[in-house]
Each structure stands twice: as C-alpha cells, then as structure tokens.
Amino acid sequence: MIEELYHTVLDRKNNPLEESYTCSLFNQGKDTILKKVSEEATEVILASKSMDKEATVYELADLFYHILVLMVEDGIEPSDVYKELRRRMNNKQGG
C-alpha cells in the first residue's frame, strides 16, 4: 500500500493535475509540505492522548500521506527507508 501511494504521489509531481491536492502541495513548495507534516504529527499526538483509536488511525493515515509527499519532494524512495530500518534491525540483533 505504501509503495502504491508513493507512486501515485510521484505521478502527481511528474504529471500535475490542476485540481489535485497533492499537486497543490508541490506547487506551494517544501515549506508548506514540512508544515503539513508537522501539523499532522501534532494531530496524531492529540488523537492518541485523547485515547481515540479511530481518530488516531485517521490522523496516522494523514501523516503517512504527507510524509510520502515529503519523500517525493526530497527524492527519497520507500526502499531507502526500508534499507535504513533493516540496518537498524540488524544492528540490534547483533548487539
């Protein structure tokens, strides 16, 4: 699912659609994308603190999406993140 959404976001950057929210984020620039990631992270925290699982899941989905937009903006692929997670996991197993 993450790979599929990543490629959809990448396609929006490479083939903009006028009415696309994703395209509007890219058009507004990196500062706007970073602001959205920050806002969504805060909303995850607030939903979790309120012990509202449904709201937390909803906000996590928003955060995942905005992180993928940031990754596309920065030229980072999901495989780059998977590689780093694998490296960390291997380091923990060895120590």
PDB file of N, CA and C in Angstrom:
ATOM      1  N   MET A   1       0.814  -1.187   0.000  1.00  0.00           N
ATOM      2  CA  MET A   1       0.000   0.000   0.000  1.00  0.00           C
ATOM      3  C   MET A   1       0.865   1.263   0.000  1.00  0.00           C
ATOM      4  N   ILE A   2       1.907   1.271   0.808  1.00  0.00           N
ATOM      5  CA  ILE A   2       2.782   2.445   0.873  1.00  0.00           C
ATOM      6  C   ILE A   2       3.450   2.667  -0.473  1.00  0.00           C
ATOM      7  N   GLU A   3       3.923   1.586  -1.085  1.00  0.00           N
ATOM      8  CA  GLU A   3       4.560   1.706  -2.404  1.00  0.00           C
ATOM      9  C   GLU A   3       3.575   2.260  -3.431  1.00  0.00           C
ATOM     10  N   GLU A   4       2.351   1.758  -3.405  1.00  0.00           N
ATOM     11  CA  GLU A   4       1.338   2.197  -4.364  1.00  0.00           C
ATOM     12  C   GLU A   4       1.029   3.684  -4.184  1.00  0.00           C
ATOM     13  N   LEU A   5       0.841   4.100  -2.941  1.00  0.00           N
ATOM     14  CA  LEU A   5       0.562   5.510  -2.671  1.00  0.00           C
ATOM     15  C   LEU A   5       1.760   6.383  -3.035  1.00  0.00           C
ATOM     16  N   TYR A   6       2.964   5.896  -2.726  1.00  0.00           N
ATOM     17  CA  TYR A   6       4.176   6.633  -3.092  1.00  0.00           C
ATOM     18  C   TYR A   6       4.205   6.894  -4.603  1.00  0.00           C
ATOM     19  N   HIS A   7       3.923   5.874  -5.387  1.00  0.00           N
ATOM     20  CA  HIS A   7       3.970   6.025  -6.841  1.00  0.00           C
ATOM     21  C   HIS A   7       2.858   6.937  -7.352  1.00  0.00           C
ATOM     22  N   THR A   8       1.724   6.949  -6.682  1.00  0.00           N
ATOM     23  CA  THR A   8       0.657   7.890  -7.040  1.00  0.00           C
ATOM     24  C   THR A   8       1.105   9.319  -6.768  1.00  0.00           C
ATOM     25  N   VAL A   9       1.722   9.544  -5.611  1.00  0.00           N
ATOM     26  CA  VAL A   9       2.227  10.879  -5.267  1.00  0.00           C
ATOM     27  C   VAL A   9       3.310  11.295  -6.263  1.00  0.00           C
ATOM     28  N   LEU A  10       4.217  10.384  -6.583  1.00  0.00           N
ATOM     29  CA  LEU A  10       5.276  10.661  -7.553  1.00  0.00           C
ATOM     30  C   LEU A  10       4.683  11.023  -8.915  1.00  0.00           C
ATOM     31  N   ASP A  11       3.654  10.305  -9.315  1.00  0.00           N
ATOM     32  CA  ASP A  11       2.994  10.600 -10.580  1.00  0.00           C
ATOM     33  C   ASP A  11       2.368  11.995 -10.570  1.00  0.00           C
ATOM     34  N   ARG A  12       1.792  12.389  -9.435  1.00  0.00           N
ATOM     35  CA  ARG A  12       1.199  13.732  -9.353  1.00  0.00           C
ATOM     36  C   ARG A  12       2.272  14.813  -9.497  1.00  0.00           C
ATOM     37  N   LYS A  13       3.452  14.540  -8.973  1.00  0.00           N
ATOM     38  CA  LYS A  13       4.538  15.519  -9.111  1.00  0.00           C
ATOM     39  C   LYS A  13       4.997  15.588 -10.566  1.00  0.00           C
ATOM     40  N   ASN A  14       5.101  14.441 -11.202  1.00  0.00           N
ATOM     41  CA  ASN A  14       5.605  14.390 -12.575  1.00  0.00           C
ATOM     42  C   ASN A  14       4.545  14.722 -13.622  1.00  0.00           C
ATOM     43  N   ASN A  15       3.283  14.508 -13.299  1.00  0.00           N
ATOM     44  CA  ASN A  15       2.175  14.752 -14.221  1.00  0.00           C
ATOM     45  C   ASN A  15       1.069  15.505 -13.484  1.00  0.00           C
ATOM     46  N   PRO A  16       1.301  16.785 -13.201  1.00  0.00           N
ATOM     47  CA  PRO A  16       0.361  17.538 -12.359  1.00  0.00           C
ATOM     48  C   PRO A  16      -1.059  17.593 -12.922  1.00  0.00           C
ATOM     49  N   LEU A  17      -2.001  17.521 -11.994  1.00  0.00           N
ATOM     50  CA  LEU A  17      -3.412  17.712 -12.301  1.00  0.00           C
ATOM     51  C   LEU A  17      -3.855  18.979 -11.572  1.00  0.00           C
ATOM     52  N   GLU A  18      -4.528  19.847 -12.281  1.00  0.00           N
ATOM     53  CA  GLU A  18      -4.877  21.153 -11.732  1.00  0.00           C
ATOM     54  C   GLU A  18      -5.656  21.064 -10.422  1.00  0.00           C
ATOM     55  N   GLU A  19      -6.587  20.121 -10.328  1.00  0.00           N
ATOM     56  CA  GLU A  19      -7.453  20.050  -9.160  1.00  0.00           C
ATOM     57  C   GLU A  19      -6.896  19.167  -8.036  1.00  0.00           C
ATOM     58  N   SER A  20      -5.682  18.668  -8.184  1.00  0.00           N
ATOM     59  CA  SER A  20      -5.102  17.729  -7.230  1.00  0.00           C
ATOM     60  C   SER A  20      -4.540  18.437  -6.002  1.00  0.00           C
ATOM     61  N   TYR A  21      -4.960  17.964  -4.822  1.00  0.00           N
ATOM     62  CA  TYR A  21      -4.414  18.485  -3.560  1.00  0.00           C
ATOM     63  C   TYR A  21      -2.913  18.222  -3.490  1.00  0.00           C
ATOM     64  N   THR A  22      -2.512  17.034  -3.909  1.00  0.00           N
ATOM     65  CA  THR A  22      -1.094  16.680  -3.903  1.00  0.00           C
ATOM     66  C   THR A  22      -0.286  17.668  -4.739  1.00  0.00           C
ATOM     67  N   CYS A  23      -0.775  17.978  -5.925  1.00  0.00           N
ATOM     68  CA  CYS A  23      -0.086  18.932  -6.799  1.00  0.00           C
ATOM     69  C   CYS A  23      -0.021  20.306  -6.162  1.00  0.00           C
ATOM     70  N   SER A  24      -1.083  20.684  -5.469  1.00  0.00           N
ATOM     71  CA  SER A  24      -1.070  21.999  -4.815  1.00  0.00           C
ATOM     72  C   SER A  24       0.016  22.058  -3.744  1.00  0.00           C
ATOM     73  N   LEU A  25       0.252  20.948  -3.054  1.00  0.00           N
ATOM     74  CA  LEU A  25       1.339  20.922  -2.070  1.00  0.00           C
ATOM     75  C   LEU A  25       2.689  21.124  -2.750  1.00  0.00           C
ATOM     76  N   PHE A  26       2.914  20.417  -3.835  1.00  0.00           N
ATOM     77  CA  PHE A  26       4.178  20.573  -4.556  1.00  0.00           C
ATOM     78  C   PHE A  26       4.323  22.001  -5.084  1.00  0.00           C
ATOM     79  N   ASN A  27       3.243  22.574  -5.577  1.00  0.00           N
ATOM     80  CA  ASN A  27       3.293  23.942  -6.105  1.00  0.00           C
ATOM     81  C   ASN A  27       3.595  24.975  -5.020  1.00  0.00           C
ATOM     82  N   GLN A  28       3.132  24.714  -3.812  1.00  0.00           N
ATOM     83  CA  GLN A  28       3.367  25.650  -2.714  1.00  0.00           C
ATOM     84  C   GLN A  28       4.774  25.535  -2.134  1.00  0.00           C
ATOM     85  N   GLY A  29       5.438  24.427  -2.401  1.00  0.00           N
ATOM     86  CA  GLY A  29       6.833  24.295  -2.018  1.00  0.00           C
ATOM     87  C   GLY A  29       7.082  23.510  -0.744  1.00  0.00           C
ATOM     88  N   LYS A  30       8.353  23.328  -0.496  1.00  0.00           N
ATOM     89  CA  LYS A  30       8.794  22.469   0.609  1.00  0.00           C
ATOM     90  C   LYS A  30       8.354  22.975   1.967  1.00  0.00           C
ATOM     91  N   ASP A  31       8.383  24.295   2.188  1.00  0.00           N
ATOM     92  CA  ASP A  31       7.966  24.810   3.494  1.00  0.00           C
ATOM     93  C   ASP A  31       6.527  24.419   3.814  1.00  0.00           C
ATOM     94  N   THR A  32       5.657  24.457   2.823  1.00  0.00           N
ATOM     95  CA  THR A  32       4.265  24.063   3.024  1.00  0.00           C
ATOM     96  C   THR A  32       4.170  22.574   3.326  1.00  0.00           C
ATOM     97  N   ILE A  33       4.929  21.775   2.613  1.00  0.00           N
ATOM     98  CA  ILE A  33       4.936  20.328   2.843  1.00  0.00           C
ATOM     99  C   ILE A  33       5.420  20.030   4.263  1.00  0.00           C
ATOM    100  N   LEU A  34       6.502  20.672   4.678  1.00  0.00           N
ATOM    101  CA  LEU A  34       7.027  20.479   6.032  1.00  0.00           C
ATOM    102  C   LEU A  34       6.019  20.909   7.091  1.00  0.00           C
ATOM    103  N   LYS A  35       5.337  22.001   6.841  1.00  0.00           N
ATOM    104  CA  LYS A  35       4.317  22.479   7.778  1.00  0.00           C
ATOM    105  C   LYS A  35       3.199  21.454   7.920  1.00  0.00           C
ATOM    106  N   LYS A  36       2.781  20.852   6.792  1.00  0.00           N
ATOM    107  CA  LYS A  36       1.723  19.847   6.844  1.00  0.00           C
ATOM    108  C   LYS A  36       2.180  18.606   7.612  1.00  0.00           C
ATOM    109  N   VAL A  37       3.431  18.187   7.426  1.00  0.00           N
ATOM    110  CA  VAL A  37       3.947  17.035   8.176  1.00  0.00           C
ATOM    111  C   VAL A  37       3.904  17.345   9.668  1.00  0.00           C
ATOM    112  N   SER A  38       4.332  18.539  10.037  1.00  0.00           N
ATOM    113  CA  SER A  38       4.324  18.943  11.438  1.00  0.00           C
ATOM    114  C   SER A  38       2.902  18.984  12.000  1.00  0.00           C
ATOM    115  N   GLU A  39       1.983  19.562  11.257  1.00  0.00           N
ATOM    116  CA  GLU A  39       0.584  19.636  11.698  1.00  0.00           C
ATOM    117  C   GLU A  39      -0.004  18.244  11.890  1.00  0.00           C
ATOM    118  N   GLU A  40       0.253  17.365  10.950  1.00  0.00           N
ATOM    119  CA  GLU A  40      -0.302  16.016  11.036  1.00  0.00           C
ATOM    120  C   GLU A  40       0.308  15.243  12.205  1.00  0.00           C
ATOM    121  N   ALA A  41       1.600  15.431  12.456  1.00  0.00           N
ATOM    122  CA  ALA A  41       2.231  14.762  13.597  1.00  0.00           C
ATOM    123  C   ALA A  41       1.591  15.235  14.900  1.00  0.00           C
ATOM    124  N   THR A  42       1.323  16.521  14.999  1.00  0.00           N
ATOM    125  CA  THR A  42       0.663  17.067  16.184  1.00  0.00           C
ATOM    126  C   THR A  42      -0.736  16.486  16.337  1.00  0.00           C
ATOM    127  N   GLU A  43      -1.451  16.349  15.228  1.00  0.00           N
ATOM    128  CA  GLU A  43      -2.804  15.782  15.288  1.00  0.00           C
ATOM    129  C   GLU A  43      -2.781  14.315  15.710  1.00  0.00           C
ATOM    130  N   VAL A  44      -1.748  13.574  15.313  1.00  0.00           N
ATOM    131  CA  VAL A  44      -1.594  12.190  15.770  1.00  0.00           C
ATOM    132  C   VAL A  44      -1.418  12.173  17.287  1.00  0.00           C
ATOM    133  N   ILE A  45      -0.565  13.044  17.782  1.00  0.00           N
ATOM    134  CA  ILE A  45      -0.312  13.107  19.222  1.00  0.00           C
ATOM    135  C   ILE A  45      -1.589  13.429  19.986  1.00  0.00           C
ATOM    136  N   LEU A  46      -2.322  14.427  19.522  1.00  0.00           N
ATOM    137  CA  LEU A  46      -3.552  14.831  20.210  1.00  0.00           C
ATOM    138  C   LEU A  46      -4.599  13.721  20.184  1.00  0.00           C
ATOM    139  N   ALA A  47      -4.751  13.054  19.054  1.00  0.00           N
ATOM    140  CA  ALA A  47      -5.720  11.964  18.961  1.00  0.00           C
ATOM    141  C   ALA A  47      -5.330  10.814  19.884  1.00  0.00           C
ATOM    142  N   SER A  48      -4.051  10.499  19.918  1.00  0.00           N
ATOM    143  CA  SER A  48      -3.583   9.408  20.772  1.00  0.00           C
ATOM    144  C   SER A  48      -3.772   9.745  22.244  1.00  0.00           C
ATOM    145  N   LYS A  49      -3.455  10.970  22.620  1.00  0.00           N
ATOM    146  CA  LYS A  49      -3.622  11.387  24.024  1.00  0.00           C
ATOM    147  C   LYS A  49      -5.084  11.344  24.440  1.00  0.00           C
ATOM    148  N   SER A  50      -5.981  11.552  23.491  1.00  0.00           N
ATOM    149  CA  SER A  50      -7.404  11.511  23.822  1.00  0.00           C
ATOM    150  C   SER A  50      -7.937  10.079  23.865  1.00  0.00           C
ATOM    151  N   MET A  51      -7.046   9.111  23.610  1.00  0.00           N
ATOM    152  CA  MET A  51      -7.393   7.689  23.657  1.00  0.00           C
ATOM    153  C   MET A  51      -8.479   7.339  22.634  1.00  0.00           C
ATOM    154  N   ASP A  52      -8.452   8.038  21.504  1.00  0.00           N
ATOM    155  CA  ASP A  52      -9.439   7.807  20.447  1.00  0.00           C
ATOM    156  C   ASP A  52      -8.753   7.042  19.319  1.00  0.00           C
ATOM    157  N   LYS A  53      -8.897   5.727  19.332  1.00  0.00           N
ATOM    158  CA  LYS A  53      -8.198   4.886  18.366  1.00  0.00           C
ATOM    159  C   LYS A  53      -8.586   5.223  16.932  1.00  0.00           C
ATOM    160  N   GLU A  54      -9.872   5.398  16.669  1.00  0.00           N
ATOM    161  CA  GLU A  54     -10.327   5.699  15.312  1.00  0.00           C
ATOM    162  C   GLU A  54      -9.737   7.011  14.803  1.00  0.00           C
ATOM    163  N   ALA A  55      -9.735   8.031  15.642  1.00  0.00           N
ATOM    164  CA  ALA A  55      -9.149   9.318  15.259  1.00  0.00           C
ATOM    165  C   ALA A  55      -7.644   9.196  15.072  1.00  0.00           C
ATOM    166  N   THR A  56      -6.997   8.402  15.908  1.00  0.00           N
ATOM    167  CA  THR A  56      -5.548   8.216  15.792  1.00  0.00           C
ATOM    168  C   THR A  56      -5.202   7.534  14.478  1.00  0.00           C
ATOM    169  N   VAL A  57      -5.951   6.513  14.115  1.00  0.00           N
ATOM    170  CA  VAL A  57      -5.724   5.826  12.839  1.00  0.00           C
ATOM    171  C   VAL A  57      -5.925   6.803  11.682  1.00  0.00           C
ATOM    172  N   TYR A  58      -6.971   7.599  11.746  1.00  0.00           N
ATOM    173  CA  TYR A  58      -7.252   8.593  10.703  1.00  0.00           C
ATOM    174  C   TYR A  58      -6.088   9.579  10.562  1.00  0.00           C
ATOM    175  N   GLU A  59      -5.613  10.076  11.690  1.00  0.00           N
ATOM    176  CA  GLU A  59      -4.515  11.053  11.662  1.00  0.00           C
ATOM    177  C   GLU A  59      -3.197  10.399  11.242  1.00  0.00           C
ATOM    178  N   LEU A  60      -2.980   9.145  11.618  1.00  0.00           N
ATOM    179  CA  LEU A  60      -1.783   8.437  11.162  1.00  0.00           C
ATOM    180  C   LEU A  60      -1.783   8.291   9.648  1.00  0.00           C
ATOM    181  N   ALA A  61      -2.956   8.014   9.083  1.00  0.00           N
ATOM    182  CA  ALA A  61      -3.048   7.914   7.626  1.00  0.00           C
ATOM    183  C   ALA A  61      -2.691   9.252   6.978  1.00  0.00           C
ATOM    184  N   ASP A  62      -3.185  10.347   7.548  1.00  0.00           N
ATOM    185  CA  ASP A  62      -2.826  11.674   7.030  1.00  0.00           C
ATOM    186  C   ASP A  62      -1.323  11.913   7.132  1.00  0.00           C
ATOM    187  N   LEU A  63      -0.737  11.526   8.260  1.00  0.00           N
ATOM    188  CA  LEU A  63       0.703  11.714   8.450  1.00  0.00           C
ATOM    189  C   LEU A  63       1.497  10.881   7.446  1.00  0.00           C
ATOM    190  N   PHE A  64       1.115   9.615   7.266  1.00  0.00           N
ATOM    191  CA  PHE A  64       1.787   8.765   6.281  1.00  0.00           C
ATOM    192  C   PHE A  64       1.765   9.432   4.904  1.00  0.00           C
ATOM    193  N   TYR A  65       0.593   9.910   4.504  1.00  0.00           N
ATOM    194  CA  TYR A  65       0.449  10.547   3.191  1.00  0.00           C
ATOM    195  C   TYR A  65       1.385  11.758   3.062  1.00  0.00           C
ATOM    196  N   HIS A  66       1.374  12.632   4.051  1.00  0.00           N
ATOM    197  CA  HIS A  66       2.201  13.842   3.954  1.00  0.00           C
ATOM    198  C   HIS A  66       3.694  13.520   4.021  1.00  0.00           C
ATOM    199  N   ILE A  67       4.049  12.470   4.743  1.00  0.00           N
ATOM    200  CA  ILE A  67       5.444  12.022   4.745  1.00  0.00           C
ATOM    201  C   ILE A  67       5.832  11.531   3.354  1.00  0.00           C
ATOM    202  N   LEU A  68       4.930  10.824   2.683  1.00  0.00           N
ATOM    203  CA  LEU A  68       5.217  10.375   1.323  1.00  0.00           C
ATOM    204  C   LEU A  68       5.385  11.556   0.372  1.00  0.00           C
ATOM    205  N   VAL A  69       4.592  12.602   0.550  1.00  0.00           N
ATOM    206  CA  VAL A  69       4.760  13.813  -0.265  1.00  0.00           C
ATOM    207  C   VAL A  69       6.152  14.396  -0.021  1.00  0.00           C
ATOM    208  N   LEU A  70       6.567  14.469   1.238  1.00  0.00           N
ATOM    209  CA  LEU A  70       7.904  14.974   1.568  1.00  0.00           C
ATOM    210  C   LEU A  70       8.988  14.089   0.961  1.00  0.00           C
ATOM    211  N   MET A  71       8.798  12.785   1.029  1.00  0.00           N
ATOM    212  CA  MET A  71       9.782  11.876   0.451  1.00  0.00           C
ATOM    213  C   MET A  71       9.933  12.111  -1.043  1.00  0.00           C
ATOM    214  N   VAL A  72       8.828  12.255  -1.757  1.00  0.00           N
ATOM    215  CA  VAL A  72       8.890  12.525  -3.194  1.00  0.00           C
ATOM    216  C   VAL A  72       9.603  13.849  -3.431  1.00  0.00           C
ATOM    217  N   GLU A  73       9.263  14.858  -2.651  1.00  0.00           N
ATOM    218  CA  GLU A  73       9.889  16.174  -2.802  1.00  0.00           C
ATOM    219  C   GLU A  73      11.411  16.080  -2.638  1.00  0.00           C
ATOM    220  N   ASP A  74      11.849  15.232  -1.703  1.00  0.00           N
ATOM    221  CA  ASP A  74      13.278  15.106  -1.404  1.00  0.00           C
ATOM    222  C   ASP A  74      13.978  13.999  -2.186  1.00  0.00           C
ATOM    223  N   GLY A  75      13.238  13.305  -3.054  1.00  0.00           N
ATOM    224  CA  GLY A  75      13.849  12.238  -3.840  1.00  0.00           C
ATOM    225  C   GLY A  75      14.196  11.003  -3.030  1.00  0.00           C
ATOM    226  N   ILE A  76      13.432  10.763  -1.982  1.00  0.00           N
ATOM    227  CA  ILE A  76      13.642   9.592  -1.129  1.00  0.00           C
ATOM    228  C   ILE A  76      12.579   8.557  -1.470  1.00  0.00           C
ATOM    229  N   GLU A  77      13.006   7.339  -1.732  1.00  0.00           N
ATOM    230  CA  GLU A  77      12.083   6.258  -2.062  1.00  0.00           C
ATOM    231  C   GLU A  77      11.814   5.406  -0.824  1.00  0.00           C
ATOM    232  N   PRO A  78      10.664   4.739  -0.786  1.00  0.00           N
ATOM    233  CA  PRO A  78      10.404   3.853   0.350  1.00  0.00           C
ATOM    234  C   PRO A  78      11.533   2.851   0.592  1.00  0.00           C
ATOM    235  N   SER A  79      12.151   2.366  -0.471  1.00  0.00           N
ATOM    236  CA  SER A  79      13.241   1.394  -0.307  1.00  0.00           C
ATOM    237  C   SER A  79      14.411   1.997   0.476  1.00  0.00           C
ATOM    238  N   ASP A  80      14.615   3.313   0.378  1.00  0.00           N
ATOM    239  CA  ASP A  80      15.669   3.971   1.161  1.00  0.00           C
ATOM    240  C   ASP A  80      15.365   3.864   2.657  1.00  0.00           C
ATOM    241  N   VAL A  81      14.111   4.051   3.003  1.00  0.00           N
ATOM    242  CA  VAL A  81      13.697   3.968   4.410  1.00  0.00           C
ATOM    243  C   VAL A  81      13.734   2.518   4.873  1.00  0.00           C
ATOM    244  N   TYR A  82      13.268   1.602   4.026  1.00  0.00           N
ATOM    245  CA  TYR A  82      13.309   0.178   4.394  1.00  0.00           C
ATOM    246  C   TYR A  82      14.747  -0.264   4.653  1.00  0.00           C
ATOM    247  N   LYS A  83      15.663   0.205   3.824  1.00  0.00           N
ATOM    248  CA  LYS A  83      17.080  -0.150   3.980  1.00  0.00           C
ATOM    249  C   LYS A  83      17.609   0.328   5.329  1.00  0.00           C
ATOM    250  N   GLU A  84      17.257   1.548   5.703  1.00  0.00           N
ATOM    251  CA  GLU A  84      17.702   2.079   6.992  1.00  0.00           C
ATOM    252  C   GLU A  84      17.076   1.308   8.152  1.00  0.00           C
ATOM    253  N   LEU A  85      15.810   0.972   8.042  1.00  0.00           N
ATOM    254  CA  LEU A  85      15.164   0.187   9.096  1.00  0.00           C
ATOM    255  C   LEU A  85      15.803  -1.195   9.226  1.00  0.00           C
ATOM    256  N   ARG A  86      16.129  -1.818   8.073  1.00  0.00           N
ATOM    257  CA  ARG A  86      16.800  -3.113   8.085  1.00  0.00           C
ATOM    258  C   ARG A  86      18.163  -3.006   8.765  1.00  0.00           C
ATOM    259  N   ARG A  87      18.896  -1.939   8.438  1.00  0.00           N
ATOM    260  CA  ARG A  87      20.211  -1.724   9.049  1.00  0.00           C
ATOM    261  C   ARG A  87      20.085  -1.623  10.566  1.00  0.00           C
ATOM    262  N   ARG A  88      19.101  -0.864  11.030  1.00  0.00           N
ATOM    263  CA  ARG A  88      18.903  -0.715  12.467  1.00  0.00           C
ATOM    264  C   ARG A  88      18.515  -2.037  13.120  1.00  0.00           C
ATOM    265  N   MET A  89      17.650  -2.785  12.458  1.00  0.00           N
ATOM    266  CA  MET A  89      17.228  -4.057  12.988  1.00  0.00           C
ATOM    267  C   MET A  89      18.410  -5.025  13.093  1.00  0.00           C
ATOM    268  N   ASN A  90      19.244  -5.041  12.080  1.00  0.00           N
ATOM    269  CA  ASN A  90      20.421  -5.904  12.083  1.00  0.00           C
ATOM    270  C   ASN A  90      21.394  -5.491  13.178  1.00  0.00           C
ATOM    271  N   ASN A  91      21.545  -4.199  13.413  1.00  0.00           N
ATOM    272  CA  ASN A  91      22.426  -3.726  14.486  1.00  0.00           C
ATOM    273  C   ASN A  91      21.917  -4.135  15.852  1.00  0.00           C
ATOM    274  N   LYS A  92      20.615  -4.113  16.041  1.00  0.00           N
ATOM    275  CA  LYS A  92      20.025  -4.513  17.341  1.00  0.00           C
ATOM    276  C   LYS A  92      20.203  -6.001  17.584  1.00  0.00           C
ATOM    277  N   GLN A  93      20.081  -6.809  16.514  1.00  0.00           N
ATOM    278  CA  GLN A  93      20.204  -8.254  16.644  1.00  0.00           C
ATOM    279  C   GLN A  93      21.633  -8.657  16.976  1.00  0.00           C
ATOM    280  N   GLY A  94      22.590  -7.883  16.474  1.00  0.00           N
ATOM    281  CA  GLY A  94      23.991  -8.207  16.712  1.00  0.00           C
ATOM    282  C   GLY A  94      24.480  -7.747  18.071  1.00  0.00           C
ATOM    283  N   GLY A  95      23.758  -6.825  18.698  1.00  0.00           N
ATOM    284  CA  GLY A  95      24.236  -6.256  19.963  1.00  0.00           C
ATOM    285  C   GLY A  95      23.340  -6.563  21.039  1.00  0.00           C
TER     286      GLY A  95
END
